Amino acid sequence: MSRTLSRALVGAAAGLALALGVPLAASAHVTVNPNTATAGSYATVNFRVPTESETALTVKLEVTLPTDTPFTAVLVQPVPGWTATVEKGALPAPVEVDGNTISEGPLKIVWQADPGVGIGQDQFQVFSAVLGPVPDTGHVVLPAAQTYSDGEVVNWAATPDEVAADDTLEPAPVLYINDAPPASGHGASHGAATAAPDDDHTMSEASASASDGSAGAALGLSIAALVIGIGGAVLGALAFARRPKKA
């Protein structure tokens, strides 16, 4: 094989790795699905947690709940191998919720892995909770802290405004209520919210599946286009390498 062709193949392989790696890495953040909800409802939400580390497991997830528009009811779905805790305490200031003055409420949800359990590389885990009643507001930011077995903590805490100004920040999961979710980017919609607890689980699963299907289709088309482009580059390099040399 000629040196020209070898270089073309190496460059094509590097381009493929870069093109594939960038979108996958960019999408590997903690999200809430569905990411929309109806004010006054009790919404079932799913926190999707992927592991980006090549050497450590995800062993803990902490989701901070709002205190200015608090949820008065928070229920968590058991996950085998994990202990879920809803931490409650005093709010910074009393808040009116459905005509009642609330001074205490749920502050945080913590999922802790049992010894020897964790989310490995190229894996994800879904943690589900029911939050309600959903406040009548634009959106609710739900900062998440992801702890790895080597002690590293990744804080997914940037608000939509902060991410819009600097897309290198780690975006927090956001539940959109009266505000429309962004059409693309870190805060892109992952489905519609549910109206009642008994219908929430089914609808959220359908929304997540639809989102996954769309994302998979888009990625597949991108890969196909990339492969075609690389194939053309390689064939061009091959033709160049075989071109007769001038005497």
C-alpha atoms as a PDB file:
ATOM      1  CA  MET A   1       0.000   0.000   0.000  1.00  0.00           C
ATOM      2  CA  SER A   2       1.408   3.419  -0.937  1.00  0.00           C
ATOM      3  CA  ARG A   3       2.265   6.055   1.651  1.00  0.00           C
ATOM      4  CA  THR A   4      -0.386   8.368   0.181  1.00  0.00           C
ATOM      5  CA  LEU A   5      -3.116   5.779   0.560  1.00  0.00           C
ATOM      6  CA  SER A   6      -1.965   4.890   4.062  1.00  0.00           C
ATOM      7  CA  ARG A   7      -2.168   8.510   5.125  1.00  0.00           C
ATOM      8  CA  ALA A   8      -5.623   8.823   3.586  1.00  0.00           C
ATOM      9  CA  LEU A   9      -6.882   5.809   5.501  1.00  0.00           C
ATOM     10  CA  VAL A  10      -5.385   7.001   8.779  1.00  0.00           C
ATOM     11  CA  GLY A  11      -6.917  10.440   8.308  1.00  0.00           C
ATOM     12  CA  ALA A  12     -10.295   8.950   7.439  1.00  0.00           C
ATOM     13  CA  ALA A  13     -10.249   6.724  10.517  1.00  0.00           C
ATOM     14  CA  ALA A  14      -9.324   9.658  12.740  1.00  0.00           C
ATOM     15  CA  GLY A  15     -12.106  11.750  11.241  1.00  0.00           C
ATOM     16  CA  LEU A  16     -14.602   8.971  11.822  1.00  0.00           C
ATOM     17  CA  ALA A  17     -13.564   8.580  15.459  1.00  0.00           C
ATOM     18  CA  LEU A  18     -13.753  12.322  16.037  1.00  0.00           C
ATOM     19  CA  ALA A  19     -17.098  12.747  14.331  1.00  0.00           C
ATOM     20  CA  LEU A  20     -18.649   9.865  16.240  1.00  0.00           C
ATOM     21  CA  GLY A  21     -17.099  10.717  19.559  1.00  0.00           C
ATOM     22  CA  VAL A  22     -18.166  14.360  19.679  1.00  0.00           C
ATOM     23  CA  PRO A  23     -21.970  13.907  19.428  1.00  0.00           C
ATOM     24  CA  LEU A  24     -21.973  10.917  21.752  1.00  0.00           C
ATOM     25  CA  ALA A  25     -19.924  12.684  24.399  1.00  0.00           C
ATOM     26  CA  ALA A  26     -21.990  15.837  24.077  1.00  0.00           C
ATOM     27  CA  SER A  27     -25.219  13.926  24.728  1.00  0.00           C
ATOM     28  CA  ALA A  28     -23.934  11.964  27.706  1.00  0.00           C
ATOM     29  CA  HIS A  29     -25.303  14.150  30.464  1.00  0.00           C
ATOM     30  CA  VAL A  30     -27.864  13.640  33.217  1.00  0.00           C
ATOM     31  CA  THR A  31     -31.346  14.416  31.873  1.00  0.00           C
ATOM     32  CA  VAL A  32     -34.928  14.318  33.084  1.00  0.00           C
ATOM     33  CA  ASN A  33     -37.441  12.543  30.856  1.00  0.00           C
ATOM     34  CA  PRO A  34     -40.084  13.633  30.074  1.00  0.00           C
ATOM     35  CA  ASN A  35     -38.910  17.208  30.483  1.00  0.00           C
ATOM     36  CA  THR A  36     -42.343  18.865  30.441  1.00  0.00           C
ATOM     37  CA  ALA A  37     -45.121  18.813  33.026  1.00  0.00           C
ATOM     38  CA  THR A  38     -48.550  20.320  33.672  1.00  0.00           C
ATOM     39  CA  ALA A  39     -49.005  22.756  36.539  1.00  0.00           C
ATOM     40  CA  GLY A  40     -50.960  21.197  39.399  1.00  0.00           C
ATOM     41  CA  SER A  41     -50.295  17.619  38.292  1.00  0.00           C
ATOM     42  CA  TYR A  42     -48.216  14.884  39.896  1.00  0.00           C
ATOM     43  CA  ALA A  43     -45.610  14.085  37.277  1.00  0.00           C
ATOM     44  CA  THR A  44     -43.569  10.921  36.962  1.00  0.00           C
ATOM     45  CA  VAL A  45     -40.066  11.850  35.844  1.00  0.00           C
ATOM     46  CA  ASN A  46     -37.081   9.692  34.995  1.00  0.00           C
ATOM     47  CA  PHE A  47     -33.528  10.842  35.658  1.00  0.00           C
ATOM     48  CA  ARG A  48     -31.329   9.187  33.042  1.00  0.00           C
ATOM     49  CA  VAL A  49     -27.732   8.843  34.269  1.00  0.00           C
ATOM     50  CA  PRO A  50     -24.957   7.719  31.889  1.00  0.00           C
ATOM     51  CA  THR A  51     -21.364   7.049  32.977  1.00  0.00           C
ATOM     52  CA  GLU A  52     -18.639   8.885  31.077  1.00  0.00           C
ATOM     53  CA  SER A  53     -15.661   7.677  33.115  1.00  0.00           C
ATOM     54  CA  GLU A  54     -13.476   4.949  31.587  1.00  0.00           C
ATOM     55  CA  THR A  55     -12.143   3.801  34.960  1.00  0.00           C
ATOM     56  CA  ALA A  56     -14.811   4.458  37.605  1.00  0.00           C
ATOM     57  CA  LEU A  57     -18.437   3.594  38.311  1.00  0.00           C
ATOM     58  CA  THR A  58     -21.240   6.016  39.057  1.00  0.00           C
ATOM     59  CA  VAL A  59     -22.184   5.226  42.650  1.00  0.00           C
ATOM     60  CA  LYS A  60     -24.361   8.162  43.714  1.00  0.00           C
ATOM     61  CA  LEU A  61     -26.850  10.655  42.311  1.00  0.00           C
ATOM     62  CA  GLU A  62     -28.142  13.659  44.249  1.00  0.00           C
ATOM     63  CA  VAL A  63     -30.955  15.753  42.790  1.00  0.00           C
ATOM     64  CA  THR A  64     -31.607  19.097  44.471  1.00  0.00           C
ATOM     65  CA  LEU A  65     -35.268  20.123  44.567  1.00  0.00           C
ATOM     66  CA  PRO A  66     -36.515  23.728  44.331  1.00  0.00           C
ATOM     67  CA  THR A  67     -37.221  25.625  47.541  1.00  0.00           C
ATOM     68  CA  ASP A  68     -38.902  28.719  46.065  1.00  0.00           C
ATOM     69  CA  THR A  69     -41.524  26.588  44.270  1.00  0.00           C
ATOM     70  CA  PRO A  70     -41.325  23.408  46.369  1.00  0.00           C
ATOM     71  CA  PHE A  71     -42.869  20.037  45.713  1.00  0.00           C
ATOM     72  CA  THR A  72     -44.823  18.915  48.760  1.00  0.00           C
ATOM     73  CA  ALA A  73     -44.947  15.276  47.675  1.00  0.00           C
ATOM     74  CA  VAL A  74     -41.975  13.300  46.389  1.00  0.00           C
ATOM     75  CA  LEU A  75     -42.098   9.543  45.860  1.00  0.00           C
ATOM     76  CA  VAL A  76     -39.226   7.406  44.581  1.00  0.00           C
ATOM     77  CA  GLN A  77     -39.328   4.082  42.757  1.00  0.00           C
ATOM     78  CA  PRO A  78     -37.063   1.402  44.251  1.00  0.00           C
ATOM     79  CA  VAL A  79     -34.062   0.402  42.131  1.00  0.00           C
ATOM     80  CA  PRO A  80     -32.379  -2.946  42.872  1.00  0.00           C
ATOM     81  CA  GLY A  81     -28.903  -2.402  44.285  1.00  0.00           C
ATOM     82  CA  TRP A  82     -29.574   1.224  45.183  1.00  0.00           C
ATOM     83  CA  THR A  83     -30.921   2.991  48.287  1.00  0.00           C
ATOM     84  CA  ALA A  84     -33.149   5.992  47.627  1.00  0.00           C
ATOM     85  CA  THR A  85     -33.659   8.697  50.249  1.00  0.00           C
ATOM     86  CA  VAL A  86     -35.819  11.825  50.179  1.00  0.00           C
ATOM     87  CA  GLU A  87     -34.171  14.407  52.403  1.00  0.00           C
ATOM     88  CA  LYS A  88     -36.572  16.898  53.999  1.00  0.00           C
ATOM     89  CA  GLY A  89     -35.942  20.076  55.935  1.00  0.00           C
ATOM     90  CA  ALA A  90     -36.769  23.726  56.460  1.00  0.00           C
ATOM     91  CA  LEU A  91     -37.249  25.951  53.434  1.00  0.00           C
ATOM     92  CA  PRO A  92     -35.255  29.212  53.283  1.00  0.00           C
ATOM     93  CA  ALA A  93     -38.561  31.091  53.539  1.00  0.00           C
ATOM     94  CA  PRO A  94     -42.208  30.027  53.925  1.00  0.00           C
ATOM     95  CA  VAL A  95     -44.040  29.503  50.623  1.00  0.00           C
ATOM     96  CA  GLU A  96     -47.734  29.443  49.741  1.00  0.00           C
ATOM     97  CA  VAL A  97     -48.757  26.167  48.078  1.00  0.00           C
ATOM     98  CA  ASP A  98     -52.437  25.592  47.240  1.00  0.00           C
ATOM     99  CA  GLY A  99     -53.483  28.111  49.874  1.00  0.00           C
ATOM    100  CA  ASN A 100     -51.290  26.601  52.566  1.00  0.00           C
ATOM    101  CA  THR A 101     -48.149  28.100  54.053  1.00  0.00           C
ATOM    102  CA  ILE A 102     -45.299  25.613  53.732  1.00  0.00           C
ATOM    103  CA  SER A 103     -42.146  26.053  55.812  1.00  0.00           C
ATOM    104  CA  GLU A 104     -40.706  22.558  55.381  1.00  0.00           C
ATOM    105  CA  GLY A 105     -40.527  20.198  52.447  1.00  0.00           C
ATOM    106  CA  PRO A 106     -38.456  17.787  50.359  1.00  0.00           C
ATOM    107  CA  LEU A 107     -35.036  19.290  49.616  1.00  0.00           C
ATOM    108  CA  LYS A 108     -33.135  16.536  47.846  1.00  0.00           C
ATOM    109  CA  ILE A 109     -33.388  13.017  46.445  1.00  0.00           C
ATOM    110  CA  VAL A 110     -30.331  10.811  46.919  1.00  0.00           C
ATOM    111  CA  TRP A 111     -29.736   7.488  45.169  1.00  0.00           C
ATOM    112  CA  GLN A 112     -26.767   5.612  46.669  1.00  0.00           C
ATOM    113  CA  ALA A 113     -25.380   2.401  45.199  1.00  0.00           C
ATOM    114  CA  ASP A 114     -24.915  -0.593  47.460  1.00  0.00           C
ATOM    115  CA  PRO A 115     -21.327  -1.869  47.884  1.00  0.00           C
ATOM    116  CA  GLY A 116     -20.067  -3.448  44.676  1.00  0.00           C
ATOM    117  CA  VAL A 117     -22.855  -1.859  42.611  1.00  0.00           C
ATOM    118  CA  GLY A 118     -22.537   1.015  40.145  1.00  0.00           C
ATOM    119  CA  ILE A 119     -23.079   2.248  36.605  1.00  0.00           C
ATOM    120  CA  GLY A 120     -20.137   1.311  34.386  1.00  0.00           C
ATOM    121  CA  GLN A 121     -18.711   2.756  31.192  1.00  0.00           C
ATOM    122  CA  ASP A 122     -21.144   2.695  28.243  1.00  0.00           C
ATOM    123  CA  GLN A 123     -23.993   2.050  30.692  1.00  0.00           C
ATOM    124  CA  PHE A 124     -26.828   4.164  32.073  1.00  0.00           C
ATOM    125  CA  GLN A 125     -29.381   3.863  34.850  1.00  0.00           C
ATOM    126  CA  VAL A 126     -32.861   5.371  35.115  1.00  0.00           C
ATOM    127  CA  PHE A 127     -34.059   6.671  38.475  1.00  0.00           C
ATOM    128  CA  SER A 128     -37.792   7.437  38.656  1.00  0.00           C
ATOM    129  CA  ALA A 129     -39.720   9.724  40.973  1.00  0.00           C
ATOM    130  CA  VAL A 130     -43.154  11.289  41.283  1.00  0.00           C
ATOM    131  CA  LEU A 131     -43.050  15.036  41.944  1.00  0.00           C
ATOM    132  CA  GLY A 132     -46.055  17.160  42.838  1.00  0.00           C
ATOM    133  CA  PRO A 133     -48.042  19.135  42.781  1.00  0.00           C
ATOM    134  CA  VAL A 134     -46.120  20.709  39.903  1.00  0.00           C
ATOM    135  CA  PRO A 135     -45.822  24.476  40.538  1.00  0.00           C
ATOM    136  CA  ASP A 136     -47.456  27.006  38.223  1.00  0.00           C
ATOM    137  CA  THR A 137     -44.213  28.503  36.958  1.00  0.00           C
ATOM    138  CA  GLY A 138     -42.093  28.699  33.809  1.00  0.00           C
ATOM    139  CA  HIS A 139     -39.674  25.886  34.532  1.00  0.00           C
ATOM    140  CA  VAL A 140     -37.922  24.141  37.408  1.00  0.00           C
ATOM    141  CA  VAL A 141     -34.183  23.522  37.462  1.00  0.00           C
ATOM    142  CA  LEU A 142     -33.181  20.244  39.129  1.00  0.00           C
ATOM    143  CA  PRO A 143     -29.391  20.318  39.683  1.00  0.00           C
ATOM    144  CA  ALA A 144     -27.828  16.852  39.845  1.00  0.00           C
ATOM    145  CA  ALA A 145     -24.527  15.800  41.396  1.00  0.00           C
ATOM    146  CA  GLN A 146     -23.051  12.582  39.961  1.00  0.00           C
ATOM    147  CA  THR A 147     -20.448  10.866  42.153  1.00  0.00           C
ATOM    148  CA  TYR A 148     -17.974   8.303  40.818  1.00  0.00           C
ATOM    149  CA  SER A 149     -16.281   5.487  42.710  1.00  0.00           C
ATOM    150  CA  ASP A 150     -12.920   7.283  42.475  1.00  0.00           C
ATOM    151  CA  GLY A 151     -14.331  10.295  44.315  1.00  0.00           C
ATOM    152  CA  GLU A 152     -14.897  12.543  41.304  1.00  0.00           C
ATOM    153  CA  VAL A 153     -18.118  14.570  41.443  1.00  0.00           C
ATOM    154  CA  VAL A 154     -19.697  16.061  38.318  1.00  0.00           C
ATOM    155  CA  ASN A 155     -22.203  18.823  39.033  1.00  0.00           C
ATOM    156  CA  TRP A 156     -24.887  19.100  36.363  1.00  0.00           C
ATOM    157  CA  ALA A 157     -26.090  22.468  37.608  1.00  0.00           C
ATOM    158  CA  ALA A 158     -26.029  25.124  34.856  1.00  0.00           C
ATOM    159  CA  THR A 159     -29.373  26.825  34.206  1.00  0.00           C
ATOM    160  CA  PRO A 160     -30.794  27.192  30.678  1.00  0.00           C
ATOM    161  CA  ASP A 161     -29.695  30.844  30.570  1.00  0.00           C
ATOM    162  CA  GLU A 162     -26.179  29.924  31.654  1.00  0.00           C
ATOM    163  CA  VAL A 163     -25.951  27.167  29.051  1.00  0.00           C
ATOM    164  CA  ALA A 164     -27.247  29.519  26.352  1.00  0.00           C
ATOM    165  CA  ALA A 165     -24.407  31.900  27.190  1.00  0.00           C
ATOM    166  CA  ASP A 166     -21.768  29.156  27.472  1.00  0.00           C
ATOM    167  CA  ASP A 167     -22.548  25.727  26.039  1.00  0.00           C
ATOM    168  CA  THR A 168     -19.429  24.215  27.600  1.00  0.00           C
ATOM    169  CA  LEU A 169     -21.134  24.272  31.016  1.00  0.00           C
ATOM    170  CA  GLU A 170     -22.684  21.131  32.492  1.00  0.00           C
ATOM    171  CA  PRO A 171     -26.476  21.542  32.007  1.00  0.00           C
ATOM    172  CA  ALA A 172     -28.851  20.770  34.852  1.00  0.00           C
ATOM    173  CA  PRO A 173     -31.946  18.658  34.223  1.00  0.00           C
ATOM    174  CA  VAL A 174     -34.846  21.055  33.636  1.00  0.00           C
ATOM    175  CA  LEU A 175     -38.582  20.408  33.940  1.00  0.00           C
ATOM    176  CA  TYR A 176     -40.490  22.817  31.693  1.00  0.00           C
ATOM    177  CA  ILE A 177     -43.994  23.783  32.783  1.00  0.00           C
ATOM    178  CA  ASN A 178     -45.302  27.031  31.265  1.00  0.00           C
ATOM    179  CA  ASP A 179     -42.131  27.688  29.286  1.00  0.00           C
ATOM    180  CA  ALA A 180     -41.577  25.855  26.016  1.00  0.00           C
ATOM    181  CA  PRO A 181     -38.534  23.561  26.079  1.00  0.00           C
ATOM    182  CA  PRO A 182     -35.765  24.371  23.607  1.00  0.00           C
ATOM    183  CA  ALA A 183     -36.026  22.678  20.223  1.00  0.00           C
ATOM    184  CA  SER A 184     -32.405  21.530  20.173  1.00  0.00           C
ATOM    185  CA  GLY A 185     -29.161  21.493  22.145  1.00  0.00           C
ATOM    186  CA  HIS A 186     -28.532  20.547  25.780  1.00  0.00           C
ATOM    187  CA  GLY A 187     -32.084  21.307  26.868  1.00  0.00           C
ATOM    188  CA  ALA A 188     -33.885  19.641  23.994  1.00  0.00           C
ATOM    189  CA  SER A 189     -37.263  18.153  24.722  1.00  0.00           C
ATOM    190  CA  HIS A 190     -37.385  14.491  25.658  1.00  0.00           C
ATOM    191  CA  GLY A 191     -41.109  13.959  25.556  1.00  0.00           C
ATOM    192  CA  ALA A 192     -44.355  15.204  27.045  1.00  0.00           C
ATOM    193  CA  ALA A 193     -45.326  15.175  30.690  1.00  0.00           C
ATOM    194  CA  THR A 194     -48.184  13.242  32.183  1.00  0.00           C
ATOM    195  CA  ALA A 195     -51.352  14.498  33.788  1.00  0.00           C
ATOM    196  CA  ALA A 196     -51.994  11.937  36.510  1.00  0.00           C
ATOM    197  CA  PRO A 197     -49.896   9.481  38.545  1.00  0.00           C
ATOM    198  CA  ASP A 198     -51.572   6.320  37.206  1.00  0.00           C
ATOM    199  CA  ASP A 199     -50.865   7.319  33.579  1.00  0.00           C
ATOM    200  CA  ASP A 200     -47.453   8.858  34.152  1.00  0.00           C
ATOM    201  CA  HIS A 201     -45.285   5.765  33.862  1.00  0.00           C
ATOM    202  CA  THR A 202     -46.717   4.564  30.565  1.00  0.00           C
ATOM    203  CA  MET A 203     -46.586   7.986  28.918  1.00  0.00           C
ATOM    204  CA  SER A 204     -43.082   8.749  30.121  1.00  0.00           C
ATOM    205  CA  GLU A 205     -41.833   5.430  28.758  1.00  0.00           C
ATOM    206  CA  ALA A 206     -43.452   6.179  25.385  1.00  0.00           C
ATOM    207  CA  SER A 207     -41.927   9.662  25.313  1.00  0.00           C
ATOM    208  CA  ALA A 208     -38.466   8.374  26.184  1.00  0.00           C
ATOM    209  CA  SER A 209     -38.735   5.666  23.532  1.00  0.00           C
ATOM    210  CA  ALA A 210     -39.774   8.188  20.882  1.00  0.00           C
ATOM    211  CA  SER A 211     -36.887  10.453  21.825  1.00  0.00           C
ATOM    212  CA  ASP A 212     -34.408   7.589  21.702  1.00  0.00           C
ATOM    213  CA  GLY A 213     -35.720   6.511  18.302  1.00  0.00           C
ATOM    214  CA  SER A 214     -35.389  10.006  16.828  1.00  0.00           C
ATOM    215  CA  ALA A 215     -31.906  10.424  18.214  1.00  0.00           C
ATOM    216  CA  GLY A 216     -30.877   7.006  16.916  1.00  0.00           C
ATOM    217  CA  ALA A 217     -32.222   7.759  13.456  1.00  0.00           C
ATOM    218  CA  ALA A 218     -30.412  11.088  13.320  1.00  0.00           C
ATOM    219  CA  LEU A 219     -27.172   9.485  14.445  1.00  0.00           C
ATOM    220  CA  GLY A 220     -27.575   6.701  11.898  1.00  0.00           C
ATOM    221  CA  LEU A 221     -28.035   9.167   9.053  1.00  0.00           C
ATOM    222  CA  SER A 222     -25.005  11.151  10.209  1.00  0.00           C
ATOM    223  CA  ILE A 223     -22.868   8.020  10.318  1.00  0.00           C
ATOM    224  CA  ALA A 224     -24.062   6.945   6.865  1.00  0.00           C
ATOM    225  CA  ALA A 225     -23.228  10.344   5.377  1.00  0.00           C
ATOM    226  CA  LEU A 226     -19.844  10.284   7.067  1.00  0.00           C
ATOM    227  CA  VAL A 227     -19.028   6.793   5.773  1.00  0.00           C
ATOM    228  CA  ILE A 228     -19.957   7.823   2.222  1.00  0.00           C
ATOM    229  CA  GLY A 229     -17.738  10.879   2.476  1.00  0.00           C
ATOM    230  CA  ILE A 230     -14.822   8.854   3.828  1.00  0.00           C
ATOM    231  CA  GLY A 231     -15.277   6.266   1.117  1.00  0.00           C
ATOM    232  CA  GLY A 232     -15.021   8.986  -1.524  1.00  0.00           C
ATOM    233  CA  ALA A 233     -11.868  10.366   0.073  1.00  0.00           C
ATOM    234  CA  VAL A 234     -10.240   6.929   0.185  1.00  0.00           C
ATOM    235  CA  LEU A 235     -11.144   6.155  -3.419  1.00  0.00           C
ATOM    236  CA  GLY A 236      -9.745   9.520  -4.466  1.00  0.00           C
ATOM    237  CA  ALA A 237      -6.505   8.838  -2.621  1.00  0.00           C
ATOM    238  CA  LEU A 238      -6.317   5.386  -4.192  1.00  0.00           C
ATOM    239  CA  ALA A 239      -6.739   6.829  -7.653  1.00  0.00           C
ATOM    240  CA  PHE A 240      -4.055   9.405  -6.936  1.00  0.00           C
ATOM    241  CA  ALA A 241      -1.680   6.703  -5.665  1.00  0.00           C
ATOM    242  CA  ARG A 242      -2.180   4.626  -8.826  1.00  0.00           C
ATOM    243  CA  ARG A 243      -1.679   7.565 -11.176  1.00  0.00           C
ATOM    244  CA  PRO A 244       1.356   6.877 -13.451  1.00  0.00           C
ATOM    245  CA  LYS A 245       4.385   8.850 -12.474  1.00  0.00           C
ATOM    246  CA  LYS A 246       5.806  11.239 -15.055  1.00  0.00           C
ATOM    247  CA  ALA A 247       9.056  10.161 -16.664  1.00  0.00           C
END
